[in-house]
Amino acid sequence: MTDIKIDTEFIKLDALLKFANLVSSGGEAKIRIAEGEVNVNGEPCTMRGKKLRPGDTVTLDGVTVKIV
């Protein structure tokens, strides 16, 4: 698991995927989220604008990142 540090109250799911280099573009993030390929805290998430806060985890293609 990789820790991703944010300096704001939250980060949106699509922005996190790009920031953590889990996807190559915003368009790819949109598609992967819409198809239910992204898990947030162990559950599939299809909300591109989901607000993630410290303590949340995101998994895509077997790679998990934790917001700190």
PDB file of N, CA and C in Angstrom:
ATOM      1  N   MET A   1       0.843  -1.181   0.000  1.00  0.00           N
ATOM      2  CA  MET A   1       0.000   0.000   0.000  1.00  0.00           C
ATOM      3  C   MET A   1       0.886   1.242   0.000  1.00  0.00           C
ATOM      4  N   THR A   2       0.513   2.187  -0.823  1.00  0.00           N
ATOM      5  CA  THR A   2       1.243   3.441  -0.937  1.00  0.00           C
ATOM      6  C   THR A   2       0.448   4.545  -0.251  1.00  0.00           C
ATOM      7  N   ASP A   3       1.121   5.392   0.508  1.00  0.00           N
ATOM      8  CA  ASP A   3       0.466   6.538   1.135  1.00  0.00           C
ATOM      9  C   ASP A   3       0.540   7.737   0.201  1.00  0.00           C
ATOM     10  N   ILE A   4      -0.592   8.421   0.057  1.00  0.00           N
ATOM     11  CA  ILE A   4      -0.664   9.651  -0.727  1.00  0.00           C
ATOM     12  C   ILE A   4      -1.035  10.766   0.243  1.00  0.00           C
ATOM     13  N   LYS A   5      -0.147  11.738   0.392  1.00  0.00           N
ATOM     14  CA  LYS A   5      -0.391  12.839   1.325  1.00  0.00           C
ATOM     15  C   LYS A   5      -1.097  13.976   0.602  1.00  0.00           C
ATOM     16  N   ILE A   6      -2.180  14.441   1.219  1.00  0.00           N
ATOM     17  CA  ILE A   6      -2.871  15.616   0.678  1.00  0.00           C
ATOM     18  C   ILE A   6      -2.828  16.721   1.726  1.00  0.00           C
ATOM     19  N   ASP A   7      -2.800  17.956   1.259  1.00  0.00           N
ATOM     20  CA  ASP A   7      -2.737  19.106   2.160  1.00  0.00           C
ATOM     21  C   ASP A   7      -4.064  19.846   2.237  1.00  0.00           C
ATOM     22  N   THR A   8      -5.103  19.256   1.631  1.00  0.00           N
ATOM     23  CA  THR A   8      -6.423  19.857   1.642  1.00  0.00           C
ATOM     24  C   THR A   8      -7.365  18.966   2.445  1.00  0.00           C
ATOM     25  N   GLU A   9      -8.596  19.427   2.668  1.00  0.00           N
ATOM     26  CA  GLU A   9      -9.565  18.651   3.443  1.00  0.00           C
ATOM     27  C   GLU A   9      -9.920  17.347   2.738  1.00  0.00           C
ATOM     28  N   PHE A  10     -10.015  17.399   1.392  1.00  0.00           N
ATOM     29  CA  PHE A  10     -10.380  16.217   0.620  1.00  0.00           C
ATOM     30  C   PHE A  10      -9.791  16.315  -0.781  1.00  0.00           C
ATOM     31  N   ILE A  11      -9.851  15.188  -1.514  1.00  0.00           N
ATOM     32  CA  ILE A  11      -9.482  15.155  -2.925  1.00  0.00           C
ATOM     33  C   ILE A  11     -10.535  14.311  -3.623  1.00  0.00           C
ATOM     34  N   LYS A  12     -10.929  14.705  -4.812  1.00  0.00           N
ATOM     35  CA  LYS A  12     -11.941  13.947  -5.543  1.00  0.00           C
ATOM     36  C   LYS A  12     -11.309  12.697  -6.156  1.00  0.00           C
ATOM     37  N   LEU A  13     -12.129  11.666  -6.288  1.00  0.00           N
ATOM     38  CA  LEU A  13     -11.641  10.372  -6.741  1.00  0.00           C
ATOM     39  C   LEU A  13     -10.909  10.441  -8.070  1.00  0.00           C
ATOM     40  N   ASP A  14     -11.487  11.121  -9.060  1.00  0.00           N
ATOM     41  CA  ASP A  14     -10.825  11.170 -10.372  1.00  0.00           C
ATOM     42  C   ASP A  14      -9.477  11.885 -10.282  1.00  0.00           C
ATOM     43  N   ALA A  15      -9.401  12.939  -9.468  1.00  0.00           N
ATOM     44  CA  ALA A  15      -8.141  13.669  -9.308  1.00  0.00           C
ATOM     45  C   ALA A  15      -7.099  12.801  -8.602  1.00  0.00           C
ATOM     46  N   LEU A  16      -7.544  12.017  -7.632  1.00  0.00           N
ATOM     47  CA  LEU A  16      -6.611  11.139  -6.918  1.00  0.00           C
ATOM     48  C   LEU A  16      -6.012  10.097  -7.860  1.00  0.00           C
ATOM     49  N   LEU A  17      -6.828   9.520  -8.717  1.00  0.00           N
ATOM     50  CA  LEU A  17      -6.325   8.502  -9.640  1.00  0.00           C
ATOM     51  C   LEU A  17      -5.223   9.071 -10.532  1.00  0.00           C
ATOM     52  N   LYS A  18      -5.400  10.313 -10.981  1.00  0.00           N
ATOM     53  CA  LYS A  18      -4.367  10.962 -11.789  1.00  0.00           C
ATOM     54  C   LYS A  18      -3.149  11.310 -10.943  1.00  0.00           C
ATOM     55  N   PHE A  19      -3.377  11.868  -9.757  1.00  0.00           N
ATOM     56  CA  PHE A  19      -2.295  12.292  -8.865  1.00  0.00           C
ATOM     57  C   PHE A  19      -1.413  11.104  -8.460  1.00  0.00           C
ATOM     58  N   ALA A  20      -2.031   9.947  -8.241  1.00  0.00           N
ATOM     59  CA  ALA A  20      -1.303   8.750  -7.809  1.00  0.00           C
ATOM     60  C   ALA A  20      -0.747   7.950  -8.996  1.00  0.00           C
ATOM     61  N   ASN A  21      -0.920   8.477 -10.204  1.00  0.00           N
ATOM     62  CA  ASN A  21      -0.448   7.813 -11.431  1.00  0.00           C
ATOM     63  C   ASN A  21      -1.061   6.434 -11.626  1.00  0.00           C
ATOM     64  N   LEU A  22      -2.315   6.262 -11.206  1.00  0.00           N
ATOM     65  CA  LEU A  22      -3.020   5.002 -11.443  1.00  0.00           C
ATOM     66  C   LEU A  22      -3.684   4.987 -12.812  1.00  0.00           C
ATOM     67  N   VAL A  23      -3.904   6.172 -13.371  1.00  0.00           N
ATOM     68  CA  VAL A  23      -4.430   6.319 -14.732  1.00  0.00           C
ATOM     69  C   VAL A  23      -3.598   7.375 -15.440  1.00  0.00           C
ATOM     70  N   SER A  24      -3.664   7.364 -16.772  1.00  0.00           N
ATOM     71  CA  SER A  24      -2.835   8.304 -17.533  1.00  0.00           C
ATOM     72  C   SER A  24      -3.553   9.614 -17.860  1.00  0.00           C
ATOM     73  N   SER A  25      -4.894   9.625 -17.726  1.00  0.00           N
ATOM     74  CA  SER A  25      -5.620  10.847 -18.066  1.00  0.00           C
ATOM     75  C   SER A  25      -6.940  10.908 -17.316  1.00  0.00           C
ATOM     76  N   GLY A  26      -7.537  12.087 -17.324  1.00  0.00           N
ATOM     77  CA  GLY A  26      -8.845  12.253 -16.710  1.00  0.00           C
ATOM     78  C   GLY A  26      -9.911  11.442 -17.425  1.00  0.00           C
ATOM     79  N   GLY A  27      -9.770  11.321 -18.739  1.00  0.00           N
ATOM     80  CA  GLY A  27     -10.717  10.527 -19.518  1.00  0.00           C
ATOM     81  C   GLY A  27     -10.671   9.059 -19.125  1.00  0.00           C
ATOM     82  N   GLU A  28      -9.464   8.557 -18.930  1.00  0.00           N
ATOM     83  CA  GLU A  28      -9.324   7.168 -18.497  1.00  0.00           C
ATOM     84  C   GLU A  28      -9.917   6.985 -17.105  1.00  0.00           C
ATOM     85  N   ALA A  29      -9.688   7.946 -16.217  1.00  0.00           N
ATOM     86  CA  ALA A  29     -10.244   7.878 -14.860  1.00  0.00           C
ATOM     87  C   ALA A  29     -11.763   7.809 -14.927  1.00  0.00           C
ATOM     88  N   LYS A  30     -12.366   8.652 -15.754  1.00  0.00           N
ATOM     89  CA  LYS A  30     -13.816   8.688 -15.887  1.00  0.00           C
ATOM     90  C   LYS A  30     -14.373   7.333 -16.321  1.00  0.00           C
ATOM     91  N   ILE A  31     -13.740   6.727 -17.301  1.00  0.00           N
ATOM     92  CA  ILE A  31     -14.196   5.432 -17.820  1.00  0.00           C
ATOM     93  C   ILE A  31     -14.023   4.335 -16.778  1.00  0.00           C
ATOM     94  N   ARG A  32     -12.847   4.271 -16.163  1.00  0.00           N
ATOM     95  CA  ARG A  32     -12.573   3.209 -15.185  1.00  0.00           C
ATOM     96  C   ARG A  32     -13.513   3.300 -13.992  1.00  0.00           C
ATOM     97  N   ILE A  33     -13.821   4.534 -13.545  1.00  0.00           N
ATOM     98  CA  ILE A  33     -14.751   4.728 -12.434  1.00  0.00           C
ATOM     99  C   ILE A  33     -16.163   4.316 -12.858  1.00  0.00           C
ATOM    100  N   ALA A  34     -16.596   4.773 -14.032  1.00  0.00           N
ATOM    101  CA  ALA A  34     -17.950   4.474 -14.513  1.00  0.00           C
ATOM    102  C   ALA A  34     -18.173   2.975 -14.679  1.00  0.00           C
ATOM    103  N   GLU A  35     -17.124   2.241 -15.035  1.00  0.00           N
ATOM    104  CA  GLU A  35     -17.246   0.795 -15.238  1.00  0.00           C
ATOM    105  C   GLU A  35     -17.117   0.013 -13.932  1.00  0.00           C
ATOM    106  N   GLY A  36     -16.982   0.715 -12.813  1.00  0.00           N
ATOM    107  CA  GLY A  36     -16.951   0.046 -11.523  1.00  0.00           C
ATOM    108  C   GLY A  36     -15.642  -0.657 -11.209  1.00  0.00           C
ATOM    109  N   GLU A  37     -14.552  -0.246 -11.851  1.00  0.00           N
ATOM    110  CA  GLU A  37     -13.253  -0.895 -11.654  1.00  0.00           C
ATOM    111  C   GLU A  37     -12.504  -0.373 -10.428  1.00  0.00           C
ATOM    112  N   VAL A  38     -12.996   0.726  -9.839  1.00  0.00           N
ATOM    113  CA  VAL A  38     -12.297   1.360  -8.723  1.00  0.00           C
ATOM    114  C   VAL A  38     -13.031   1.050  -7.419  1.00  0.00           C
ATOM    115  N   ASN A  39     -12.277   0.607  -6.419  1.00  0.00           N
ATOM    116  CA  ASN A  39     -12.841   0.361  -5.089  1.00  0.00           C
ATOM    117  C   ASN A  39     -12.391   1.464  -4.140  1.00  0.00           C
ATOM    118  N   VAL A  40     -13.335   1.969  -3.350  1.00  0.00           N
ATOM    119  CA  VAL A  40     -13.041   2.939  -2.307  1.00  0.00           C
ATOM    120  C   VAL A  40     -13.406   2.277  -0.979  1.00  0.00           C
ATOM    121  N   ASN A  41     -12.423   2.158  -0.113  1.00  0.00           N
ATOM    122  CA  ASN A  41     -12.616   1.497   1.181  1.00  0.00           C
ATOM    123  C   ASN A  41     -13.210   0.101   1.014  1.00  0.00           C
ATOM    124  N   GLY A  42     -12.756  -0.614  -0.029  1.00  0.00           N
ATOM    125  CA  GLY A  42     -13.160  -1.995  -0.241  1.00  0.00           C
ATOM    126  C   GLY A  42     -14.463  -2.187  -0.995  1.00  0.00           C
ATOM    127  N   GLU A  43     -15.136  -1.104  -1.367  1.00  0.00           N
ATOM    128  CA  GLU A  43     -16.416  -1.186  -2.068  1.00  0.00           C
ATOM    129  C   GLU A  43     -16.301  -0.520  -3.439  1.00  0.00           C
ATOM    130  N   PRO A  44     -16.925  -1.106  -4.489  1.00  0.00           N
ATOM    131  CA  PRO A  44     -16.908  -0.453  -5.801  1.00  0.00           C
ATOM    132  C   PRO A  44     -17.534   0.939  -5.718  1.00  0.00           C
ATOM    133  N   CYS A  45     -16.936   1.881  -6.418  1.00  0.00           N
ATOM    134  CA  CYS A  45     -17.432   3.261  -6.412  1.00  0.00           C
ATOM    135  C   CYS A  45     -17.545   3.758  -7.848  1.00  0.00           C
ATOM    136  N   THR A  46     -18.711   4.274  -8.220  1.00  0.00           N
ATOM    137  CA  THR A  46     -18.913   4.801  -9.572  1.00  0.00           C
ATOM    138  C   THR A  46     -19.121   6.317  -9.556  1.00  0.00           C
ATOM    139  N   MET A  47     -18.832   6.962  -8.443  1.00  0.00           N
ATOM    140  CA  MET A  47     -18.987   8.422  -8.329  1.00  0.00           C
ATOM    141  C   MET A  47     -17.637   9.094  -8.563  1.00  0.00           C
ATOM    142  N   ARG A  48     -17.494   9.695  -9.734  1.00  0.00           N
ATOM    143  CA  ARG A  48     -16.232  10.317 -10.112  1.00  0.00           C
ATOM    144  C   ARG A  48     -15.826  11.432  -9.150  1.00  0.00           C
ATOM    145  N   GLY A  49     -16.800  12.161  -8.627  1.00  0.00           N
ATOM    146  CA  GLY A  49     -16.511  13.294  -7.747  1.00  0.00           C
ATOM    147  C   GLY A  49     -16.516  12.938  -6.271  1.00  0.00           C
ATOM    148  N   LYS A  50     -16.473  11.654  -5.949  1.00  0.00           N
ATOM    149  CA  LYS A  50     -16.484  11.230  -4.540  1.00  0.00           C
ATOM    150  C   LYS A  50     -15.347  11.917  -3.802  1.00  0.00           C
ATOM    151  N   LYS A  51     -15.677  12.517  -2.657  1.00  0.00           N
ATOM    152  CA  LYS A  51     -14.672  13.215  -1.861  1.00  0.00           C
ATOM    153  C   LYS A  51     -13.958  12.214  -0.963  1.00  0.00           C
ATOM    154  N   LEU A  52     -12.644  12.152  -1.091  1.00  0.00           N
ATOM    155  CA  LEU A  52     -11.824  11.247  -0.295  1.00  0.00           C
ATOM    156  C   LEU A  52     -11.076  12.054   0.749  1.00  0.00           C
ATOM    157  N   ARG A  53     -11.044  11.520   1.946  1.00  0.00           N
ATOM    158  CA  ARG A  53     -10.394  12.204   3.059  1.00  0.00           C
ATOM    159  C   ARG A  53      -9.326  11.302   3.658  1.00  0.00           C
ATOM    160  N   PRO A  54      -8.433  11.856   4.471  1.00  0.00           N
ATOM    161  CA  PRO A  54      -7.407  11.017   5.107  1.00  0.00           C
ATOM    162  C   PRO A  54      -8.026   9.799   5.788  1.00  0.00           C
ATOM    163  N   GLY A  55      -7.394   8.648   5.565  1.00  0.00           N
ATOM    164  CA  GLY A  55      -7.881   7.385   6.090  1.00  0.00           C
ATOM    165  C   GLY A  55      -8.569   6.536   5.044  1.00  0.00           C
ATOM    166  N   ASP A  56      -9.053   7.159   3.952  1.00  0.00           N
ATOM    167  CA  ASP A  56      -9.702   6.408   2.884  1.00  0.00           C
ATOM    168  C   ASP A  56      -8.663   5.660   2.057  1.00  0.00           C
ATOM    169  N   THR A  57      -9.069   4.511   1.502  1.00  0.00           N
ATOM    170  CA  THR A  57      -8.200   3.755   0.608  1.00  0.00           C
ATOM    171  C   THR A  57      -8.882   3.617  -0.745  1.00  0.00           C
ATOM    172  N   VAL A  58      -8.062   3.574  -1.795  1.00  0.00           N
ATOM    173  CA  VAL A  58      -8.547   3.420  -3.165  1.00  0.00           C
ATOM    174  C   VAL A  58      -7.734   2.313  -3.821  1.00  0.00           C
ATOM    175  N   THR A  59      -8.440   1.384  -4.486  1.00  0.00           N
ATOM    176  CA  THR A  59      -7.763   0.276  -5.157  1.00  0.00           C
ATOM    177  C   THR A  59      -8.175   0.225  -6.621  1.00  0.00           C
ATOM    178  N   LEU A  60      -7.174   0.080  -7.493  1.00  0.00           N
ATOM    179  CA  LEU A  60      -7.395  -0.082  -8.929  1.00  0.00           C
ATOM    180  C   LEU A  60      -6.326  -1.018  -9.451  1.00  0.00           C
ATOM    181  N   ASP A  61      -6.736  -2.045 -10.175  1.00  0.00           N
ATOM    182  CA  ASP A  61      -5.801  -3.025 -10.768  1.00  0.00           C
ATOM    183  C   ASP A  61      -4.858  -3.631  -9.713  1.00  0.00           C
ATOM    184  N   GLY A  62      -5.380  -3.899  -8.530  1.00  0.00           N
ATOM    185  CA  GLY A  62      -4.580  -4.526  -7.481  1.00  0.00           C
ATOM    186  C   GLY A  62      -3.618  -3.610  -6.757  1.00  0.00           C
ATOM    187  N   VAL A  63      -3.633  -2.328  -7.112  1.00  0.00           N
ATOM    188  CA  VAL A  63      -2.777  -1.339  -6.449  1.00  0.00           C
ATOM    189  C   VAL A  63      -3.644  -0.526  -5.499  1.00  0.00           C
ATOM    190  N   THR A  64      -3.234  -0.465  -4.242  1.00  0.00           N
ATOM    191  CA  THR A  64      -3.991   0.275  -3.230  1.00  0.00           C
ATOM    192  C   THR A  64      -3.199   1.472  -2.748  1.00  0.00           C
ATOM    193  N   VAL A  65      -3.886   2.619  -2.670  1.00  0.00           N
ATOM    194  CA  VAL A  65      -3.273   3.816  -2.103  1.00  0.00           C
ATOM    195  C   VAL A  65      -4.134   4.268  -0.930  1.00  0.00           C
ATOM    196  N   LYS A  66      -3.485   4.847   0.075  1.00  0.00           N
ATOM    197  CA  LYS A  66      -4.186   5.346   1.255  1.00  0.00           C
ATOM    198  C   LYS A  66      -3.949   6.836   1.363  1.00  0.00           C
ATOM    199  N   ILE A  67      -5.028   7.575   1.607  1.00  0.00           N
ATOM    200  CA  ILE A  67      -4.938   9.023   1.778  1.00  0.00           C
ATOM    201  C   ILE A  67      -4.459   9.296   3.194  1.00  0.00           C
ATOM    202  N   VAL A  68      -3.426  10.113   3.329  1.00  0.00           N
ATOM    203  CA  VAL A  68      -2.927  10.496   4.662  1.00  0.00           C
ATOM    204  C   VAL A  68      -2.849  12.000   4.766  1.00  0.00           C
TER     205      VAL A  68
END
